[in-house]
Amino acid sequence: MGDQVIMPTAFERQVRKLGLNERSCVASQELREWCERNKDQCYIPEWLLKRWGMVVDPDVKAESGPLVA
């Protein structure tokens, strides 16, 4: 078997970009706004969606192209 490369999710890249950890995610307004814009296209941990009261629309199709930064 060959080596497998595990790529971070868009959410994980955003958390890293903002310099956050699991505890500081909840308090980040920037992350919350990013999640609100991208929650229907990107994986966001369920515990965080629940904490913020966000609901994902499962019928939204992911658009091709870059995500909103």
Protein backbone atom coordinates (compact mmCIF):
# COMPACT_ATOMS: atom_id res chain seq x y z
CA MET A 1 0.00 0.00 0.00
CA GLY A 2 1.17 3.50 -0.76
CA ASP A 3 1.40 6.40 1.60
CA GLN A 4 -1.85 8.24 2.14
CA VAL A 5 -1.87 11.99 2.48
CA ILE A 6 -4.58 13.31 4.78
CA MET A 7 -5.59 16.82 3.83
CA PRO A 8 -7.13 19.13 6.44
CA THR A 9 -10.75 20.16 5.94
CA ALA A 10 -11.64 23.74 5.02
CA PHE A 11 -12.81 24.19 8.62
CA GLU A 12 -9.48 22.95 9.99
CA ARG A 13 -7.58 25.28 7.65
CA GLN A 14 -9.70 28.23 8.83
CA VAL A 15 -9.14 27.36 12.50
CA ARG A 16 -5.39 27.16 11.86
CA LYS A 17 -5.42 30.43 9.87
CA LEU A 18 -7.12 32.20 12.79
CA GLY A 19 -4.75 30.61 15.34
CA LEU A 20 -7.57 28.98 17.30
CA ASN A 21 -7.89 25.80 19.31
CA GLU A 22 -10.99 23.85 20.34
CA ARG A 23 -11.61 26.05 23.38
CA SER A 24 -11.17 29.36 21.56
CA CYS A 25 -13.33 28.39 18.55
CA VAL A 26 -16.59 29.16 20.33
CA ALA A 27 -15.53 32.70 21.21
CA SER A 28 -14.24 33.59 17.73
CA GLN A 29 -16.58 35.94 15.87
CA GLU A 30 -14.50 35.54 12.69
CA LEU A 31 -14.86 31.75 12.78
CA ARG A 32 -18.56 32.02 13.53
CA GLU A 33 -19.09 34.25 10.50
CA TRP A 34 -17.04 31.89 8.31
CA CYS A 35 -19.09 28.93 9.54
CA GLU A 36 -22.36 30.75 8.90
CA ARG A 37 -21.30 31.42 5.29
CA ASN A 38 -19.94 27.92 4.68
CA LYS A 39 -21.98 25.59 6.92
CA ASP A 40 -23.98 24.15 4.03
CA GLN A 41 -20.90 23.35 1.92
CA CYS A 42 -18.17 22.46 4.43
CA TYR A 43 -17.76 20.09 7.33
CA ILE A 44 -18.12 21.90 10.66
CA PRO A 45 -18.06 19.89 13.89
CA GLU A 46 -21.55 19.11 15.12
CA TRP A 47 -20.76 20.27 18.67
CA LEU A 48 -19.89 23.74 17.33
CA LEU A 49 -22.99 23.97 15.14
CA LYS A 50 -25.12 23.05 18.15
CA ARG A 51 -23.33 25.52 20.41
CA TRP A 52 -24.05 28.34 17.97
CA GLY A 53 -27.56 27.13 17.11
CA MET A 54 -26.74 26.72 13.42
CA VAL A 55 -28.69 24.33 11.22
CA VAL A 56 -27.22 22.85 8.05
CA ASP A 57 -29.39 22.67 4.93
CA PRO A 58 -28.69 19.18 3.52
CA ASP A 59 -30.26 20.11 0.16
CA VAL A 60 -27.66 22.77 -0.69
CA LYS A 61 -25.26 21.59 -3.35
CA ALA A 62 -21.60 22.52 -2.95
CA GLU A 63 -20.51 25.00 -5.59
CA SER A 64 -17.29 24.48 -7.45
CA GLY A 65 -14.58 27.02 -6.91
CA PRO A 66 -12.89 28.47 -3.85
CA LEU A 67 -14.68 28.83 -0.55
CA VAL A 68 -15.29 32.18 1.07
CA ALA A 69 -12.28 33.04 3.19
